[in-house]
Structures are given as C-alpha cells and as structure tokens.
Amino acid sequence: MKAEYIFHSGFVVTTAAHRLVFDYFKGNLEISDDGVTTVFFVSHHHEDHYNRAIFRYASRPETYYVLSRDVWGAPPEAAVTVAGPNDEFEVGGVRVRTLRSTDCGVAYLVEVDGKTVYHAGDLHLWTWDGATAEQNRGMEIRFCRELEKLRGTAIDAAFLPLDPRQEESGGLGFDYAMRTLDIKHAFPMHFWGVGEYVTAFIGSEISKPYRDRIIPLLNEGDSAEI
C-alpha cells in the first residue's frame, strides 16, 4: 500500500486493486486513466477539504464518490454515495464505515484489499485557549466517544489531524488516538503546510511511545510504501 500526500488533509492511497483519494482541495491531483477502481472521499464541505475539481473524473468507468451529506455540487454523471454518521456500506469493492465528526461531516474507516485505512477528516480534539472549560470538556467527551467505536480495530494507516493553530493543544487528539487505537502507521495531516510543527511534535516527549509509527509526509508529492 502506498500513501501520497497532496496537501493539508488530501492524500491518495493506492492498494492492490484500488485508488482512494481523500479530501482533496488543492495541490497536484492527476489521476491516470489506467482502469484502476478509484474512490473519492469527501469528509465535509469546508473549502479546505472539498474542491469540485474532483468531478473532472466523474465520467470515467470504475470511478466513485463518497460524499458527506453536507457536500453539494456533484454533477449528474458522478456515481455518488451520500454518507452520514454511523453509516456502513460498500462502494466499488470497498467497505466503508463512518464516524461523526467533532466539527462537520464524517470520518471514514475503509476496508480495501485486505487493508484498513482511517481518515479522520475533522474528527479531532478541537480544544482552544479561548473556549470555556465546559466547552473544551464537551469536545473531549464527544471526541473520545467517537474513537471508542474504533477500539480493537487493527488500522494499517491512519490519517490524523495535527493542527498548529491550537499550539500546545494541537497534538492532544493525535496522541489520544495513538495511545487508544491499534494503529500501525500514522500520517499527520491538517497542519497547513507547517512541517516544523509536525517535526517538533514527533521530537517531543509526548510522542516517544509511538513515534516510530509516525510517517511524516511534509511536502506535496511526498509518499511512503507501507
């Protein structure tokens, strides 16, 4: 399985017989017309996770779109599956489960070609210095409740937010996921191109128990085989 970083939360995951494209909004996206079954996933409608440019491939055979129910704008020729929280379905030979985001939309757990891939979208521990203690505690409860649904699931690749705008709190959700879930390889995302923030987190004491399982793809086009 290969993971390629596009930008922000956008990744292309290539498995034995499928190509999965998650949350593209900008960067280089060129999908070869090679007949490989391709599934585009959009976790929610925010402009840093969704770009209608993904639909330029809609007329190709074996091309599918899984869109959170708050996403609009698909052309009629696109093969669309609409996803809400806590859904389970199959599309293009891929099994999909969804979780409820702590922001908008959904997160995706995908079983494909014997591999399990988790893309969090904006399901993250969004705590902020400017929020009240009650608001941050409520966020923590909702976040932990959703991740509990994945406990015991072996995840080959997890794409997890690590957001520098939260400063010291930005790694708390990533840390909780790594300590709670069975994740073999973790890819930081949603770091707004600030690779130094990711590097600092990996080098910090907090990540020591699992840092050898983090794969930092920091530049557009970076990729890793796992």
C-alpha atoms as a PDB file:
ATOM      1  CA  MET A   1       0.000   0.000   0.000  1.00  0.00           C
ATOM      2  CA  LYS A   2       1.241   3.463  -0.919  1.00  0.00           C
ATOM      3  CA  ALA A   3       0.223   6.800   0.596  1.00  0.00           C
ATOM      4  CA  GLU A   4       0.920  10.058  -1.237  1.00  0.00           C
ATOM      5  CA  TYR A   5       0.479  13.493   0.329  1.00  0.00           C
ATOM      6  CA  ILE A   6      -1.301  16.082  -1.808  1.00  0.00           C
ATOM      7  CA  PHE A   7      -1.774  18.936   0.649  1.00  0.00           C
ATOM      8  CA  HIS A   8      -3.376  19.613   4.045  1.00  0.00           C
ATOM      9  CA  SER A   9      -5.736  16.625   4.565  1.00  0.00           C
ATOM     10  CA  GLY A  10      -5.543  15.434   0.986  1.00  0.00           C
ATOM     11  CA  PHE A  11      -3.999  12.029   0.300  1.00  0.00           C
ATOM     12  CA  VAL A  12      -4.018   9.364  -2.391  1.00  0.00           C
ATOM     13  CA  VAL A  13      -3.860   5.801  -1.087  1.00  0.00           C
ATOM     14  CA  THR A  14      -3.062   3.070  -3.599  1.00  0.00           C
ATOM     15  CA  THR A  15      -3.689  -0.576  -2.778  1.00  0.00           C
ATOM     16  CA  ALA A  16      -3.523  -3.778  -4.810  1.00  0.00           C
ATOM     17  CA  ALA A  17      -6.631  -3.014  -6.859  1.00  0.00           C
ATOM     18  CA  HIS A  18      -7.920   0.387  -5.735  1.00  0.00           C
ATOM     19  CA  ARG A  19      -7.049   4.043  -5.575  1.00  0.00           C
ATOM     20  CA  LEU A  20      -8.569   6.100  -2.730  1.00  0.00           C
ATOM     21  CA  VAL A  21      -8.494   9.904  -2.827  1.00  0.00           C
ATOM     22  CA  PHE A  22      -9.280  11.683   0.438  1.00  0.00           C
ATOM     23  CA  ASP A  23     -10.279  15.332   1.000  1.00  0.00           C
ATOM     24  CA  TYR A  24      -8.636  16.992  -1.988  1.00  0.00           C
ATOM     25  CA  PHE A  25      -8.893  20.763  -2.054  1.00  0.00           C
ATOM     26  CA  LYS A  26      -5.701  21.955  -3.704  1.00  0.00           C
ATOM     27  CA  GLY A  27      -2.374  20.713  -4.986  1.00  0.00           C
ATOM     28  CA  ASN A  28      -1.375  18.385  -7.799  1.00  0.00           C
ATOM     29  CA  LEU A  29      -4.074  15.811  -8.490  1.00  0.00           C
ATOM     30  CA  GLU A  30      -3.548  13.836 -11.682  1.00  0.00           C
ATOM     31  CA  ILE A  31      -5.391  10.517 -11.790  1.00  0.00           C
ATOM     32  CA  SER A  32      -4.145   8.194 -14.521  1.00  0.00           C
ATOM     33  CA  ASP A  33      -6.719   6.725 -16.881  1.00  0.00           C
ATOM     34  CA  ASP A  34      -5.452   3.247 -16.092  1.00  0.00           C
ATOM     35  CA  GLY A  35      -8.707   1.465 -15.303  1.00  0.00           C
ATOM     36  CA  VAL A  36      -7.949   1.162 -11.590  1.00  0.00           C
ATOM     37  CA  THR A  37     -11.078   1.474  -9.454  1.00  0.00           C
ATOM     38  CA  THR A  38     -10.931   4.935  -7.913  1.00  0.00           C
ATOM     39  CA  VAL A  39     -12.981   6.141  -4.962  1.00  0.00           C
ATOM     40  CA  PHE A  40     -13.005   9.803  -3.935  1.00  0.00           C
ATOM     41  CA  PHE A  41     -13.908  10.573  -0.326  1.00  0.00           C
ATOM     42  CA  VAL A  42     -15.015  13.977   0.953  1.00  0.00           C
ATOM     43  CA  SER A  43     -15.388  14.214   4.723  1.00  0.00           C
ATOM     44  CA  HIS A  44     -17.302  17.522   4.735  1.00  0.00           C
ATOM     45  CA  HIS A  45     -17.977  20.697   2.793  1.00  0.00           C
ATOM     46  CA  HIS A  46     -15.332  23.043   4.230  1.00  0.00           C
ATOM     47  CA  GLU A  47     -13.236  24.595   1.495  1.00  0.00           C
ATOM     48  CA  ASP A  48     -10.013  23.117   2.885  1.00  0.00           C
ATOM     49  CA  HIS A  49     -11.436  19.599   2.375  1.00  0.00           C
ATOM     50  CA  TYR A  50     -13.518  19.843  -0.787  1.00  0.00           C
ATOM     51  CA  ASN A  51     -12.950  21.029  -4.332  1.00  0.00           C
ATOM     52  CA  ARG A  52     -15.358  20.332  -7.172  1.00  0.00           C
ATOM     53  CA  ALA A  53     -12.327  19.684  -9.389  1.00  0.00           C
ATOM     54  CA  ILE A  54     -12.541  16.048  -8.262  1.00  0.00           C
ATOM     55  CA  PHE A  55     -15.550  15.647 -10.549  1.00  0.00           C
ATOM     56  CA  ARG A  56     -13.500  16.068 -13.708  1.00  0.00           C
ATOM     57  CA  TYR A  57     -13.014  12.302 -13.465  1.00  0.00           C
ATOM     58  CA  ALA A  58     -16.715  11.527 -12.984  1.00  0.00           C
ATOM     59  CA  SER A  59     -17.303  10.175 -16.493  1.00  0.00           C
ATOM     60  CA  ARG A  60     -14.588   7.533 -16.201  1.00  0.00           C
ATOM     61  CA  PRO A  61     -15.651   3.954 -15.568  1.00  0.00           C
ATOM     62  CA  GLU A  62     -14.996   2.463 -12.137  1.00  0.00           C
ATOM     63  CA  THR A  63     -14.879   5.922 -10.543  1.00  0.00           C
ATOM     64  CA  TYR A  64     -16.962   6.534  -7.436  1.00  0.00           C
ATOM     65  CA  TYR A  65     -17.593   9.361  -4.977  1.00  0.00           C
ATOM     66  CA  VAL A  66     -18.387   9.069  -1.276  1.00  0.00           C
ATOM     67  CA  LEU A  67     -19.613  12.448  -0.057  1.00  0.00           C
ATOM     68  CA  SER A  68     -20.634  13.536   3.386  1.00  0.00           C
ATOM     69  CA  ARG A  69     -24.289  14.528   3.295  1.00  0.00           C
ATOM     70  CA  ASP A  70     -23.406  18.216   3.741  1.00  0.00           C
ATOM     71  CA  VAL A  71     -21.443  18.232   0.440  1.00  0.00           C
ATOM     72  CA  TRP A  72     -23.203  19.551  -2.654  1.00  0.00           C
ATOM     73  CA  GLY A  73     -22.300  20.152  -6.277  1.00  0.00           C
ATOM     74  CA  ALA A  74     -21.784  16.707  -7.781  1.00  0.00           C
ATOM     75  CA  PRO A  75     -22.667  16.511 -11.491  1.00  0.00           C
ATOM     76  CA  PRO A  76     -25.361  14.042 -12.591  1.00  0.00           C
ATOM     77  CA  GLU A  77     -22.860  11.698 -14.203  1.00  0.00           C
ATOM     78  CA  ALA A  78     -20.976  11.145 -10.926  1.00  0.00           C
ATOM     79  CA  ALA A  79     -21.563   7.841  -9.145  1.00  0.00           C
ATOM     80  CA  VAL A  80     -22.236   9.260  -5.670  1.00  0.00           C
ATOM     81  CA  THR A  81     -22.855   7.582  -2.339  1.00  0.00           C
ATOM     82  CA  VAL A  82     -24.024  10.009   0.348  1.00  0.00           C
ATOM     83  CA  ALA A  83     -22.626   9.284   3.816  1.00  0.00           C
ATOM     84  CA  GLY A  84     -23.947  10.287   7.206  1.00  0.00           C
ATOM     85  CA  PRO A  85     -22.552   9.474  10.648  1.00  0.00           C
ATOM     86  CA  ASN A  86     -22.567   5.815  11.704  1.00  0.00           C
ATOM     87  CA  ASP A  87     -23.254   4.507   8.204  1.00  0.00           C
ATOM     88  CA  GLU A  88     -21.952   1.248   6.760  1.00  0.00           C
ATOM     89  CA  PHE A  89     -21.943   0.453   3.045  1.00  0.00           C
ATOM     90  CA  GLU A  90     -19.922  -0.887   0.139  1.00  0.00           C
ATOM     91  CA  VAL A  91     -18.880   1.022  -2.949  1.00  0.00           C
ATOM     92  CA  GLY A  92     -16.549  -0.057  -5.736  1.00  0.00           C
ATOM     93  CA  GLY A  93     -15.493  -3.166  -3.848  1.00  0.00           C
ATOM     94  CA  VAL A  94     -14.602  -1.132  -0.745  1.00  0.00           C
ATOM     95  CA  ARG A  95     -16.250  -1.442   2.675  1.00  0.00           C
ATOM     96  CA  VAL A  96     -16.872   1.877   4.402  1.00  0.00           C
ATOM     97  CA  ARG A  97     -17.855   2.811   7.957  1.00  0.00           C
ATOM     98  CA  THR A  98     -18.341   6.363   9.134  1.00  0.00           C
ATOM     99  CA  LEU A  99     -17.987   8.180  12.419  1.00  0.00           C
ATOM    100  CA  ARG A 100     -19.462  11.523  13.441  1.00  0.00           C
ATOM    101  CA  SER A 101     -17.026  14.413  13.195  1.00  0.00           C
ATOM    102  CA  THR A 102     -16.497  16.758  16.127  1.00  0.00           C
ATOM    103  CA  ASP A 103     -16.711  19.572  13.566  1.00  0.00           C
ATOM    104  CA  CYS A 104     -18.602  18.930  10.332  1.00  0.00           C
ATOM    105  CA  GLY A 105     -19.323  15.786   8.389  1.00  0.00           C
ATOM    106  CA  VAL A 106     -17.799  12.382   8.982  1.00  0.00           C
ATOM    107  CA  ALA A 107     -14.624  10.368   9.369  1.00  0.00           C
ATOM    108  CA  TYR A 108     -14.043   7.278   7.231  1.00  0.00           C
ATOM    109  CA  LEU A 109     -12.886   3.771   8.110  1.00  0.00           C
ATOM    110  CA  VAL A 110     -12.232   1.908   4.873  1.00  0.00           C
ATOM    111  CA  GLU A 111     -11.540  -1.791   4.344  1.00  0.00           C
ATOM    112  CA  VAL A 112      -9.889  -2.356   0.985  1.00  0.00           C
ATOM    113  CA  ASP A 113      -7.824  -5.213  -0.469  1.00  0.00           C
ATOM    114  CA  GLY A 114      -7.072  -6.669   2.939  1.00  0.00           C
ATOM    115  CA  LYS A 115      -6.040  -3.298   4.421  1.00  0.00           C
ATOM    116  CA  THR A 116      -7.828  -0.956   6.802  1.00  0.00           C
ATOM    117  CA  VAL A 117      -7.474   2.800   6.357  1.00  0.00           C
ATOM    118  CA  TYR A 118      -8.798   5.510   8.671  1.00  0.00           C
ATOM    119  CA  HIS A 119      -9.135   9.112   7.525  1.00  0.00           C
ATOM    120  CA  ALA A 120     -10.300  11.360  10.339  1.00  0.00           C
ATOM    121  CA  GLY A 121     -11.480  14.328   8.288  1.00  0.00           C
ATOM    122  CA  ASP A 122     -12.136  16.920  11.003  1.00  0.00           C
ATOM    123  CA  LEU A 123     -12.839  14.370  13.733  1.00  0.00           C
ATOM    124  CA  HIS A 124     -10.322  15.800  16.156  1.00  0.00           C
ATOM    125  CA  LEU A 125      -9.942  17.117  19.688  1.00  0.00           C
ATOM    126  CA  TRP A 126     -10.656  20.762  18.902  1.00  0.00           C
ATOM    127  CA  THR A 127      -9.802  22.419  22.211  1.00  0.00           C
ATOM    128  CA  TRP A 128      -8.914  26.118  22.196  1.00  0.00           C
ATOM    129  CA  ASP A 129      -7.446  28.569  24.676  1.00  0.00           C
ATOM    130  CA  GLY A 130     -10.329  30.948  24.035  1.00  0.00           C
ATOM    131  CA  ALA A 131     -13.019  28.373  24.783  1.00  0.00           C
ATOM    132  CA  THR A 132     -14.531  27.792  28.194  1.00  0.00           C
ATOM    133  CA  ALA A 133     -13.542  24.793  30.295  1.00  0.00           C
ATOM    134  CA  GLU A 134     -17.050  23.426  29.791  1.00  0.00           C
ATOM    135  CA  GLN A 135     -16.797  23.757  26.005  1.00  0.00           C
ATOM    136  CA  ASN A 136     -13.420  22.032  25.887  1.00  0.00           C
ATOM    137  CA  ARG A 137     -14.602  19.265  28.183  1.00  0.00           C
ATOM    138  CA  GLY A 138     -17.653  18.690  25.999  1.00  0.00           C
ATOM    139  CA  MET A 139     -15.404  18.472  22.969  1.00  0.00           C
ATOM    140  CA  GLU A 140     -13.187  15.929  24.706  1.00  0.00           C
ATOM    141  CA  ILE A 141     -16.183  13.766  25.610  1.00  0.00           C
ATOM    142  CA  ARG A 142     -17.503  13.779  22.034  1.00  0.00           C
ATOM    143  CA  PHE A 143     -14.078  13.020  20.587  1.00  0.00           C
ATOM    144  CA  CYS A 144     -13.353  10.118  22.932  1.00  0.00           C
ATOM    145  CA  ARG A 145     -16.843   8.687  22.393  1.00  0.00           C
ATOM    146  CA  GLU A 146     -16.299   8.512  18.624  1.00  0.00           C
ATOM    147  CA  LEU A 147     -12.824   6.999  18.813  1.00  0.00           C
ATOM    148  CA  GLU A 148     -14.105   4.359  21.219  1.00  0.00           C
ATOM    149  CA  LYS A 149     -16.000   2.929  18.247  1.00  0.00           C
ATOM    150  CA  LEU A 150     -12.635   2.030  16.688  1.00  0.00           C
ATOM    151  CA  ARG A 151     -11.123   0.387  19.733  1.00  0.00           C
ATOM    152  CA  GLY A 152      -9.945  -3.124  18.856  1.00  0.00           C
ATOM    153  CA  THR A 153      -9.877  -2.464  15.101  1.00  0.00           C
ATOM    154  CA  ALA A 154      -6.470  -3.063  13.509  1.00  0.00           C
ATOM    155  CA  ILE A 155      -5.754   0.014  11.376  1.00  0.00           C
ATOM    156  CA  ASP A 156      -2.960  -0.216   8.830  1.00  0.00           C
ATOM    157  CA  ALA A 157      -2.869   3.504   8.004  1.00  0.00           C
ATOM    158  CA  ALA A 158      -4.444   6.371   9.943  1.00  0.00           C
ATOM    159  CA  PHE A 159      -4.543   9.969   8.744  1.00  0.00           C
ATOM    160  CA  LEU A 160      -4.860  12.168  11.832  1.00  0.00           C
ATOM    161  CA  PRO A 161      -5.063  15.960  12.324  1.00  0.00           C
ATOM    162  CA  LEU A 162      -2.137  17.777  13.922  1.00  0.00           C
ATOM    163  CA  ASP A 163      -3.137  21.428  13.808  1.00  0.00           C
ATOM    164  CA  PRO A 164      -0.615  24.196  14.632  1.00  0.00           C
ATOM    165  CA  ARG A 165      -3.380  26.758  15.210  1.00  0.00           C
ATOM    166  CA  GLN A 166      -4.095  25.026  18.514  1.00  0.00           C
ATOM    167  CA  GLU A 167      -0.488  25.498  19.594  1.00  0.00           C
ATOM    168  CA  GLU A 168       0.243  23.157  22.529  1.00  0.00           C
ATOM    169  CA  SER A 169      -3.192  21.530  22.306  1.00  0.00           C
ATOM    170  CA  GLY A 170      -2.823  20.601  18.645  1.00  0.00           C
ATOM    171  CA  GLY A 171      -1.312  17.201  19.326  1.00  0.00           C
ATOM    172  CA  LEU A 172      -3.729  16.026  22.019  1.00  0.00           C
ATOM    173  CA  GLY A 173      -6.133  14.310  19.631  1.00  0.00           C
ATOM    174  CA  PHE A 174      -3.310  12.670  17.703  1.00  0.00           C
ATOM    175  CA  ASP A 175      -1.787  11.460  20.963  1.00  0.00           C
ATOM    176  CA  TYR A 176      -5.066  10.065  22.255  1.00  0.00           C
ATOM    177  CA  ALA A 177      -5.664   8.158  19.022  1.00  0.00           C
ATOM    178  CA  MET A 178      -2.184   6.650  19.057  1.00  0.00           C
ATOM    179  CA  ARG A 179      -2.444   5.563  22.698  1.00  0.00           C
ATOM    180  CA  THR A 180      -6.009   4.238  22.383  1.00  0.00           C
ATOM    181  CA  LEU A 181      -6.256   2.624  18.950  1.00  0.00           C
ATOM    182  CA  ASP A 182      -4.363  -0.160  17.191  1.00  0.00           C
ATOM    183  CA  ILE A 183      -2.639   1.971  14.532  1.00  0.00           C
ATOM    184  CA  LYS A 184       0.312   0.531  12.617  1.00  0.00           C
ATOM    185  CA  HIS A 185       1.220   3.666  10.659  1.00  0.00           C
ATOM    186  CA  ALA A 186       0.067   7.238  11.350  1.00  0.00           C
ATOM    187  CA  PHE A 187       0.227  10.126   8.899  1.00  0.00           C
ATOM    188  CA  PRO A 188      -0.105  13.675  10.286  1.00  0.00           C
ATOM    189  CA  MET A 189      -2.433  15.944   8.337  1.00  0.00           C
ATOM    190  CA  HIS A 190      -4.271  19.267   8.599  1.00  0.00           C
ATOM    191  CA  PHE A 191      -1.020  21.018   9.536  1.00  0.00           C
ATOM    192  CA  TRP A 192      -1.494  23.818   6.988  1.00  0.00           C
ATOM    193  CA  GLY A 193       1.919  23.246   5.401  1.00  0.00           C
ATOM    194  CA  VAL A 194       3.732  23.975   8.672  1.00  0.00           C
ATOM    195  CA  GLY A 195       6.052  20.991   8.626  1.00  0.00           C
ATOM    196  CA  GLU A 196       8.064  22.353  11.547  1.00  0.00           C
ATOM    197  CA  TYR A 197       5.064  21.827  13.807  1.00  0.00           C
ATOM    198  CA  VAL A 198       4.874  18.164  12.828  1.00  0.00           C
ATOM    199  CA  THR A 199       8.617  17.702  13.267  1.00  0.00           C
ATOM    200  CA  ALA A 200       8.501  19.302  16.718  1.00  0.00           C
ATOM    201  CA  PHE A 201       5.634  17.041  17.788  1.00  0.00           C
ATOM    202  CA  ILE A 202       7.450  13.924  16.630  1.00  0.00           C
ATOM    203  CA  GLY A 203      10.541  15.012  18.545  1.00  0.00           C
ATOM    204  CA  SER A 204       8.618  15.827  21.712  1.00  0.00           C
ATOM    205  CA  GLU A 205       8.393  13.638  24.791  1.00  0.00           C
ATOM    206  CA  ILE A 206       4.671  13.088  24.272  1.00  0.00           C
ATOM    207  CA  SER A 207       5.150  11.054  21.079  1.00  0.00           C
ATOM    208  CA  LYS A 208       8.003   8.908  22.361  1.00  0.00           C
ATOM    209  CA  PRO A 209       5.932   5.709  22.878  1.00  0.00           C
ATOM    210  CA  TYR A 210       4.756   5.648  19.261  1.00  0.00           C
ATOM    211  CA  ARG A 211       6.964   7.984  17.222  1.00  0.00           C
ATOM    212  CA  ASP A 212       8.418   5.082  15.238  1.00  0.00           C
ATOM    213  CA  ARG A 213       4.909   4.534  13.838  1.00  0.00           C
ATOM    214  CA  ILE A 214       4.523   8.123  12.584  1.00  0.00           C
ATOM    215  CA  ILE A 215       5.268   8.734   8.917  1.00  0.00           C
ATOM    216  CA  PRO A 216       5.639  12.478   8.263  1.00  0.00           C
ATOM    217  CA  LEU A 217       4.880  13.398   4.665  1.00  0.00           C
ATOM    218  CA  LEU A 218       5.583  17.114   4.812  1.00  0.00           C
ATOM    219  CA  ASN A 219       5.951  18.234   1.207  1.00  0.00           C
ATOM    220  CA  GLU A 220       3.484  17.996  -1.668  1.00  0.00           C
ATOM    221  CA  GLY A 221       4.095  14.783  -3.553  1.00  0.00           C
ATOM    222  CA  ASP A 222       5.886  13.013  -0.694  1.00  0.00           C
ATOM    223  CA  SER A 223       4.914   9.349  -0.495  1.00  0.00           C
ATOM    224  CA  ALA A 224       5.575   6.216   1.510  1.00  0.00           C
ATOM    225  CA  GLU A 225       5.132   2.493   0.935  1.00  0.00           C
ATOM    226  CA  ILE A 226       3.833   0.613   3.956  1.00  0.00           C
END
